Amino acid sequence: MNRIEQIDSGWKLKLTPRPDTLTSELPATVPGCIHLDLINAKIIKDISVDGLEQDQMWIWRTDSNYSTIITKKPATQRHFLKIH
């Protein structure tokens, strides 16, 4: 029997290289958007409200690494990881 399990919690975002001293992981929402994750972490302002686009140009030059932990399933079954 096929069972679908959505992996939408426990995600972390790490940005490298960062132009300032932020080196730790930030909580992230998946599915989501890097800009919303950075707004929620108070790293950037929402440009539709009070931020400036030029203040966020560094994001395009930064690698965004999302990670989470997937619990191990019994080896007696086949498992597929499908990313949309």
PDB file of N, CA and C in Angstrom:
ATOM      1  N   MET A   1       0.835  -1.165   0.000  1.00  0.00           N
ATOM      2  CA  MET A   1       0.000   0.000   0.000  1.00  0.00           C
ATOM      3  C   MET A   1       0.892   1.245   0.000  1.00  0.00           C
ATOM      4  N   ASN A   2       0.534   2.210  -0.837  1.00  0.00           N
ATOM      5  CA  ASN A   2       1.289   3.464  -0.911  1.00  0.00           C
ATOM      6  C   ASN A   2       0.808   4.428   0.164  1.00  0.00           C
ATOM      7  N   ARG A   3       1.757   5.053   0.810  1.00  0.00           N
ATOM      8  CA  ARG A   3       1.450   6.049   1.824  1.00  0.00           C
ATOM      9  C   ARG A   3       2.292   7.283   1.550  1.00  0.00           C
ATOM     10  N   ILE A   4       1.650   8.420   1.557  1.00  0.00           N
ATOM     11  CA  ILE A   4       2.364   9.675   1.328  1.00  0.00           C
ATOM     12  C   ILE A   4       2.545  10.382   2.663  1.00  0.00           C
ATOM     13  N   GLU A   5       3.780  10.764   2.916  1.00  0.00           N
ATOM     14  CA  GLU A   5       4.099  11.491   4.141  1.00  0.00           C
ATOM     15  C   GLU A   5       4.749  12.812   3.748  1.00  0.00           C
ATOM     16  N   GLN A   6       4.152  13.903   4.144  1.00  0.00           N
ATOM     17  CA  GLN A   6       4.688  15.212   3.805  1.00  0.00           C
ATOM     18  C   GLN A   6       5.738  15.604   4.843  1.00  0.00           C
ATOM     19  N   ILE A   7       6.896  16.042   4.351  1.00  0.00           N
ATOM     20  CA  ILE A   7       7.992  16.446   5.235  1.00  0.00           C
ATOM     21  C   ILE A   7       8.003  17.972   5.251  1.00  0.00           C
ATOM     22  N   ASP A   8       7.183  18.543   6.130  1.00  0.00           N
ATOM     23  CA  ASP A   8       7.024  19.995   6.131  1.00  0.00           C
ATOM     24  C   ASP A   8       7.313  20.634   7.486  1.00  0.00           C
ATOM     25  N   SER A   9       8.053  19.941   8.327  1.00  0.00           N
ATOM     26  CA  SER A   9       8.422  20.535   9.621  1.00  0.00           C
ATOM     27  C   SER A   9       9.884  20.225   9.926  1.00  0.00           C
ATOM     28  N   GLY A  10      10.457  21.022  10.808  1.00  0.00           N
ATOM     29  CA  GLY A  10      11.845  20.811  11.214  1.00  0.00           C
ATOM     30  C   GLY A  10      12.880  21.326  10.236  1.00  0.00           C
ATOM     31  N   TRP A  11      12.488  22.145   9.273  1.00  0.00           N
ATOM     32  CA  TRP A  11      13.422  22.648   8.274  1.00  0.00           C
ATOM     33  C   TRP A  11      14.275  23.786   8.827  1.00  0.00           C
ATOM     34  N   LYS A  12      15.522  23.845   8.376  1.00  0.00           N
ATOM     35  CA  LYS A  12      16.476  24.890   8.743  1.00  0.00           C
ATOM     36  C   LYS A  12      17.069  25.485   7.474  1.00  0.00           C
ATOM     37  N   LEU A  13      17.428  26.755   7.529  1.00  0.00           N
ATOM     38  CA  LEU A  13      18.039  27.475   6.419  1.00  0.00           C
ATOM     39  C   LEU A  13      19.393  27.983   6.868  1.00  0.00           C
ATOM     40  N   LYS A  14      20.413  27.724   6.058  1.00  0.00           N
ATOM     41  CA  LYS A  14      21.755  28.260   6.322  1.00  0.00           C
ATOM     42  C   LYS A  14      22.210  28.987   5.060  1.00  0.00           C
ATOM     43  N   LEU A  15      22.704  30.197   5.245  1.00  0.00           N
ATOM     44  CA  LEU A  15      23.154  31.024   4.131  1.00  0.00           C
ATOM     45  C   LEU A  15      24.673  31.102   4.143  1.00  0.00           C
ATOM     46  N   THR A  16      25.299  30.882   2.974  1.00  0.00           N
ATOM     47  CA  THR A  16      26.755  30.981   2.878  1.00  0.00           C
ATOM     48  C   THR A  16      27.150  31.605   1.543  1.00  0.00           C
ATOM     49  N   PRO A  17      28.107  32.436   1.435  1.00  0.00           N
ATOM     50  CA  PRO A  17      28.645  33.201   2.548  1.00  0.00           C
ATOM     51  C   PRO A  17      27.708  34.349   2.884  1.00  0.00           C
ATOM     52  N   ARG A  18      27.719  34.756   4.118  1.00  0.00           N
ATOM     53  CA  ARG A  18      26.890  35.883   4.569  1.00  0.00           C
ATOM     54  C   ARG A  18      27.794  37.098   4.726  1.00  0.00           C
ATOM     55  N   PRO A  19      27.333  38.266   4.296  1.00  0.00           N
ATOM     56  CA  PRO A  19      28.169  39.461   4.398  1.00  0.00           C
ATOM     57  C   PRO A  19      28.314  40.005   5.817  1.00  0.00           C
ATOM     58  N   ASP A  20      27.529  39.510   6.747  1.00  0.00           N
ATOM     59  CA  ASP A  20      27.671  39.967   8.136  1.00  0.00           C
ATOM     60  C   ASP A  20      27.998  38.768   9.028  1.00  0.00           C
ATOM     61  N   THR A  21      27.692  38.838  10.264  1.00  0.00           N
ATOM     62  CA  THR A  21      28.121  37.805  11.203  1.00  0.00           C
ATOM     63  C   THR A  21      27.131  36.657  11.379  1.00  0.00           C
ATOM     64  N   LEU A  22      26.035  36.648  10.640  1.00  0.00           N
ATOM     65  CA  LEU A  22      25.057  35.573  10.787  1.00  0.00           C
ATOM     66  C   LEU A  22      25.611  34.280  10.194  1.00  0.00           C
ATOM     67  N   THR A  23      25.895  33.318  11.021  1.00  0.00           N
ATOM     68  CA  THR A  23      26.429  32.045  10.541  1.00  0.00           C
ATOM     69  C   THR A  23      25.590  30.862  10.995  1.00  0.00           C
ATOM     70  N   SER A  24      24.622  31.088  11.868  1.00  0.00           N
ATOM     71  CA  SER A  24      23.828  29.976  12.379  1.00  0.00           C
ATOM     72  C   SER A  24      22.667  29.649  11.434  1.00  0.00           C
ATOM     73  N   GLU A  25      22.036  28.535  11.709  1.00  0.00           N
ATOM     74  CA  GLU A  25      20.868  28.137  10.926  1.00  0.00           C
ATOM     75  C   GLU A  25      19.636  28.880  11.428  1.00  0.00           C
ATOM     76  N   LEU A  26      18.735  29.147  10.504  1.00  0.00           N
ATOM     77  CA  LEU A  26      17.479  29.822  10.818  1.00  0.00           C
ATOM     78  C   LEU A  26      16.332  28.842  10.638  1.00  0.00           C
ATOM     79  N   PRO A  27      15.248  28.990  11.391  1.00  0.00           N
ATOM     80  CA  PRO A  27      14.070  28.167  11.124  1.00  0.00           C
ATOM     81  C   PRO A  27      13.538  28.496   9.735  1.00  0.00           C
ATOM     82  N   ALA A  28      13.041  27.493   9.029  1.00  0.00           N
ATOM     83  CA  ALA A  28      12.534  27.691   7.674  1.00  0.00           C
ATOM     84  C   ALA A  28      11.192  26.992   7.503  1.00  0.00           C
ATOM     85  N   THR A  29      10.434  27.473   6.528  1.00  0.00           N
ATOM     86  CA  THR A  29       9.153  26.868   6.186  1.00  0.00           C
ATOM     87  C   THR A  29       9.260  26.260   4.801  1.00  0.00           C
ATOM     88  N   VAL A  30       8.944  24.976   4.700  1.00  0.00           N
ATOM     89  CA  VAL A  30       8.965  24.273   3.411  1.00  0.00           C
ATOM     90  C   VAL A  30       7.639  23.557   3.261  1.00  0.00           C
ATOM     91  N   PRO A  31       6.894  23.749   2.164  1.00  0.00           N
ATOM     92  CA  PRO A  31       7.222  24.680   1.087  1.00  0.00           C
ATOM     93  C   PRO A  31       7.104  26.128   1.562  1.00  0.00           C
ATOM     94  N   GLY A  32       7.893  26.971   0.946  1.00  0.00           N
ATOM     95  CA  GLY A  32       7.901  28.370   1.346  1.00  0.00           C
ATOM     96  C   GLY A  32       8.774  29.195   0.432  1.00  0.00           C
ATOM     97  N   CYS A  33       9.326  30.252   0.990  1.00  0.00           N
ATOM     98  CA  CYS A  33      10.093  31.221   0.208  1.00  0.00           C
ATOM     99  C   CYS A  33      11.226  31.746   1.079  1.00  0.00           C
ATOM    100  N   ILE A  34      12.414  31.874   0.527  1.00  0.00           N
ATOM    101  CA  ILE A  34      13.554  32.353   1.297  1.00  0.00           C
ATOM    102  C   ILE A  34      13.295  33.743   1.865  1.00  0.00           C
ATOM    103  N   HIS A  35      12.612  34.598   1.095  1.00  0.00           N
ATOM    104  CA  HIS A  35      12.347  35.946   1.575  1.00  0.00           C
ATOM    105  C   HIS A  35      11.451  35.927   2.812  1.00  0.00           C
ATOM    106  N   LEU A  36      10.445  35.067   2.826  1.00  0.00           N
ATOM    107  CA  LEU A  36       9.579  34.968   4.008  1.00  0.00           C
ATOM    108  C   LEU A  36      10.343  34.413   5.203  1.00  0.00           C
ATOM    109  N   ASP A  37      11.229  33.457   4.966  1.00  0.00           N
ATOM    110  CA  ASP A  37      12.048  32.928   6.058  1.00  0.00           C
ATOM    111  C   ASP A  37      12.937  34.019   6.643  1.00  0.00           C
ATOM    112  N   LEU A  38      13.526  34.855   5.793  1.00  0.00           N
ATOM    113  CA  LEU A  38      14.398  35.936   6.258  1.00  0.00           C
ATOM    114  C   LEU A  38      13.607  37.053   6.939  1.00  0.00           C
ATOM    115  N   ILE A  39      12.401  37.326   6.461  1.00  0.00           N
ATOM    116  CA  ILE A  39      11.534  38.313   7.109  1.00  0.00           C
ATOM    117  C   ILE A  39      11.142  37.813   8.497  1.00  0.00           C
ATOM    118  N   ASN A  40      10.735  36.543   8.594  1.00  0.00           N
ATOM    119  CA  ASN A  40      10.337  35.978   9.887  1.00  0.00           C
ATOM    120  C   ASN A  40      11.485  35.959  10.881  1.00  0.00           C
ATOM    121  N   ALA A  41      12.723  35.823  10.396  1.00  0.00           N
ATOM    122  CA  ALA A  41      13.899  35.826  11.271  1.00  0.00           C
ATOM    123  C   ALA A  41      14.407  37.238  11.549  1.00  0.00           C
ATOM    124  N   LYS A  42      13.706  38.249  11.012  1.00  0.00           N
ATOM    125  CA  LYS A  42      14.067  39.662  11.210  1.00  0.00           C
ATOM    126  C   LYS A  42      15.435  40.006  10.605  1.00  0.00           C
ATOM    127  N   ILE A  43      15.808  39.278   9.529  1.00  0.00           N
ATOM    128  CA  ILE A  43      17.066  39.556   8.829  1.00  0.00           C
ATOM    129  C   ILE A  43      16.848  40.653   7.789  1.00  0.00           C
ATOM    130  N   ILE A  44      15.704  40.614   7.116  1.00  0.00           N
ATOM    131  CA  ILE A  44      15.353  41.629   6.123  1.00  0.00           C
ATOM    132  C   ILE A  44      13.961  42.163   6.441  1.00  0.00           C
ATOM    133  N   LYS A  45      13.644  43.298   5.830  1.00  0.00           N
ATOM    134  CA  LYS A  45      12.304  43.863   5.945  1.00  0.00           C
ATOM    135  C   LYS A  45      11.499  43.471   4.711  1.00  0.00           C
ATOM    136  N   ASP A  46      10.206  43.489   4.842  1.00  0.00           N
ATOM    137  CA  ASP A  46       9.301  43.195   3.726  1.00  0.00           C
ATOM    138  C   ASP A  46       9.306  44.399   2.786  1.00  0.00           C
ATOM    139  N   ILE A  47       9.821  44.239   1.555  1.00  0.00           N
ATOM    140  CA  ILE A  47       9.935  45.387   0.649  1.00  0.00           C
ATOM    141  C   ILE A  47       8.572  45.912   0.204  1.00  0.00           C
ATOM    142  N   SER A  48       7.521  45.105   0.351  1.00  0.00           N
ATOM    143  CA  SER A  48       6.193  45.609   0.003  1.00  0.00           C
ATOM    144  C   SER A  48       5.646  46.518   1.106  1.00  0.00           C
ATOM    145  N   VAL A  49       6.298  46.540   2.278  1.00  0.00           N
ATOM    146  CA  VAL A  49       5.840  47.369   3.390  1.00  0.00           C
ATOM    147  C   VAL A  49       6.849  48.486   3.675  1.00  0.00           C
ATOM    148  N   ASP A  50       8.084  48.110   4.055  1.00  0.00           N
ATOM    149  CA  ASP A  50       9.036  49.145   4.450  1.00  0.00           C
ATOM    150  C   ASP A  50      10.488  48.836   4.125  1.00  0.00           C
ATOM    151  N   GLY A  51      10.760  47.779   3.392  1.00  0.00           N
ATOM    152  CA  GLY A  51      12.135  47.453   3.043  1.00  0.00           C
ATOM    153  C   GLY A  51      12.529  48.063   1.709  1.00  0.00           C
ATOM    154  N   LEU A  52      13.798  47.967   1.405  1.00  0.00           N
ATOM    155  CA  LEU A  52      14.320  48.469   0.131  1.00  0.00           C
ATOM    156  C   LEU A  52      14.922  47.318  -0.655  1.00  0.00           C
ATOM    157  N   GLU A  53      14.601  47.259  -1.941  1.00  0.00           N
ATOM    158  CA  GLU A  53      15.093  46.168  -2.781  1.00  0.00           C
ATOM    159  C   GLU A  53      16.611  46.110  -2.802  1.00  0.00           C
ATOM    160  N   GLN A  54      17.286  47.253  -2.861  1.00  0.00           N
ATOM    161  CA  GLN A  54      18.752  47.252  -2.909  1.00  0.00           C
ATOM    162  C   GLN A  54      19.375  46.706  -1.633  1.00  0.00           C
ATOM    163  N   ASP A  55      18.642  46.729  -0.514  1.00  0.00           N
ATOM    164  CA  ASP A  55      19.143  46.155   0.735  1.00  0.00           C
ATOM    165  C   ASP A  55      19.123  44.631   0.721  1.00  0.00           C
ATOM    166  N   GLN A  56      18.457  44.046  -0.277  1.00  0.00           N
ATOM    167  CA  GLN A  56      18.324  42.590  -0.338  1.00  0.00           C
ATOM    168  C   GLN A  56      19.090  41.966  -1.506  1.00  0.00           C
ATOM    169  N   MET A  57      19.876  42.737  -2.206  1.00  0.00           N
ATOM    170  CA  MET A  57      20.616  42.223  -3.362  1.00  0.00           C
ATOM    171  C   MET A  57      21.624  41.147  -2.962  1.00  0.00           C
ATOM    172  N   TRP A  58      22.107  41.174  -1.728  1.00  0.00           N
ATOM    173  CA  TRP A  58      23.073  40.172  -1.264  1.00  0.00           C
ATOM    174  C   TRP A  58      22.484  38.770  -1.314  1.00  0.00           C
ATOM    175  N   ILE A  59      21.166  38.634  -1.234  1.00  0.00           N
ATOM    176  CA  ILE A  59      20.528  37.305  -1.239  1.00  0.00           C
ATOM    177  C   ILE A  59      20.845  36.568  -2.538  1.00  0.00           C
ATOM    178  N   TRP A  60      20.922  37.274  -3.652  1.00  0.00           N
ATOM    179  CA  TRP A  60      21.191  36.641  -4.953  1.00  0.00           C
ATOM    180  C   TRP A  60      22.617  36.109  -5.045  1.00  0.00           C
ATOM    181  N   ARG A  61      23.517  36.631  -4.220  1.00  0.00           N
ATOM    182  CA  ARG A  61      24.920  36.185  -4.234  1.00  0.00           C
ATOM    183  C   ARG A  61      25.226  35.211  -3.093  1.00  0.00           C
ATOM    184  N   THR A  62      24.197  34.713  -2.466  1.00  0.00           N
ATOM    185  CA  THR A  62      24.354  33.847  -1.305  1.00  0.00           C
ATOM    186  C   THR A  62      23.734  32.486  -1.578  1.00  0.00           C
ATOM    187  N   ASP A  63      24.439  31.424  -1.216  1.00  0.00           N
ATOM    188  CA  ASP A  63      23.875  30.079  -1.343  1.00  0.00           C
ATOM    189  C   ASP A  63      22.898  29.834  -0.204  1.00  0.00           C
ATOM    190  N   SER A  64      21.756  29.262  -0.543  1.00  0.00           N
ATOM    191  CA  SER A  64      20.722  28.948   0.445  1.00  0.00           C
ATOM    192  C   SER A  64      20.652  27.439   0.595  1.00  0.00           C
ATOM    193  N   ASN A  65      20.975  26.950   1.764  1.00  0.00           N
ATOM    194  CA  ASN A  65      20.950  25.513   2.021  1.00  0.00           C
ATOM    195  C   ASN A  65      19.835  25.186   3.002  1.00  0.00           C
ATOM    196  N   TYR A  66      18.851  24.432   2.517  1.00  0.00           N
ATOM    197  CA  TYR A  66      17.747  23.984   3.362  1.00  0.00           C
ATOM    198  C   TYR A  66      18.026  22.549   3.787  1.00  0.00           C
ATOM    199  N   SER A  67      17.725  22.242   5.057  1.00  0.00           N
ATOM    200  CA  SER A  67      17.955  20.882   5.535  1.00  0.00           C
ATOM    201  C   SER A  67      16.898  20.504   6.569  1.00  0.00           C
ATOM    202  N   THR A  68      16.682  19.208   6.698  1.00  0.00           N
ATOM    203  CA  THR A  68      15.819  18.660   7.731  1.00  0.00           C
ATOM    204  C   THR A  68      16.273  17.233   7.994  1.00  0.00           C
ATOM    205  N   ILE A  69      15.717  16.620   8.997  1.00  0.00           N
ATOM    206  CA  ILE A  69      16.029  15.229   9.308  1.00  0.00           C
ATOM    207  C   ILE A  69      14.832  14.374   8.920  1.00  0.00           C
ATOM    208  N   ILE A  70      15.096  13.329   8.172  1.00  0.00           N
ATOM    209  CA  ILE A  70      14.054  12.383   7.763  1.00  0.00           C
ATOM    210  C   ILE A  70      14.239  11.125   8.587  1.00  0.00           C
ATOM    211  N   THR A  71      13.192  10.716   9.265  1.00  0.00           N
ATOM    212  CA  THR A  71      13.304   9.530  10.106  1.00  0.00           C
ATOM    213  C   THR A  71      13.461   8.273   9.254  1.00  0.00           C
ATOM    214  N   LYS A  72      14.292   7.398   9.733  1.00  0.00           N
ATOM    215  CA  LYS A  72      14.575   6.150   9.025  1.00  0.00           C
ATOM    216  C   LYS A  72      13.359   5.230   9.080  1.00  0.00           C
ATOM    217  N   LYS A  73      13.064   4.619   7.945  1.00  0.00           N
ATOM    218  CA  LYS A  73      11.940   3.685   7.837  1.00  0.00           C
ATOM    219  C   LYS A  73      12.481   2.262   7.811  1.00  0.00           C
ATOM    220  N   PRO A  74      11.638   1.272   8.091  1.00  0.00           N
ATOM    221  CA  PRO A  74      12.098  -0.124   8.060  1.00  0.00           C
ATOM    222  C   PRO A  74      12.690  -0.503   6.697  1.00  0.00           C
ATOM    223  N   ALA A  75      13.787  -1.236   6.730  1.00  0.00           N
ATOM    224  CA  ALA A  75      14.477  -1.621   5.489  1.00  0.00           C
ATOM    225  C   ALA A  75      13.718  -2.683   4.701  1.00  0.00           C
ATOM    226  N   THR A  76      12.668  -3.233   5.263  1.00  0.00           N
ATOM    227  CA  THR A  76      11.912  -4.285   4.570  1.00  0.00           C
ATOM    228  C   THR A  76      10.973  -3.719   3.522  1.00  0.00           C
ATOM    229  N   GLN A  77      10.860  -2.403   3.451  1.00  0.00           N
ATOM    230  CA  GLN A  77       9.974  -1.762   2.489  1.00  0.00           C
ATOM    231  C   GLN A  77      10.780  -0.853   1.568  1.00  0.00           C
ATOM    232  N   ARG A  78      10.219  -0.597   0.372  1.00  0.00           N
ATOM    233  CA  ARG A  78      10.842   0.357  -0.545  1.00  0.00           C
ATOM    234  C   ARG A  78      10.285   1.734  -0.245  1.00  0.00           C
ATOM    235  N   HIS A  79      11.148   2.751  -0.304  1.00  0.00           N
ATOM    236  CA  HIS A  79      10.748   4.116  -0.022  1.00  0.00           C
ATOM    237  C   HIS A  79      11.254   5.011  -1.140  1.00  0.00           C
ATOM    238  N   PHE A  80      10.462   5.995  -1.496  1.00  0.00           N
ATOM    239  CA  PHE A  80      10.811   6.962  -2.530  1.00  0.00           C
ATOM    240  C   PHE A  80      10.698   8.365  -1.960  1.00  0.00           C
ATOM    241  N   LEU A  81      11.679   9.188  -2.259  1.00  0.00           N
ATOM    242  CA  LEU A  81      11.650  10.577  -1.865  1.00  0.00           C
ATOM    243  C   LEU A  81      11.349  11.390  -3.124  1.00  0.00           C
ATOM    244  N   LYS A  82      10.213  12.047  -3.128  1.00  0.00           N
ATOM    245  CA  LYS A  82       9.765  12.818  -4.289  1.00  0.00           C
ATOM    246  C   LYS A  82       9.754  14.291  -3.912  1.00  0.00           C
ATOM    247  N   ILE A  83      10.519  15.092  -4.630  1.00  0.00           N
ATOM    248  CA  ILE A  83      10.624  16.521  -4.355  1.00  0.00           C
ATOM    249  C   ILE A  83       9.923  17.278  -5.463  1.00  0.00           C
ATOM    250  N   HIS A  84       9.016  18.145  -5.056  1.00  0.00           N
ATOM    251  CA  HIS A  84       8.248  18.942  -6.040  1.00  0.00           C
ATOM    252  C   HIS A  84       8.789  20.334  -6.091  1.00  0.00           C
TER     253      HIS A  84
END
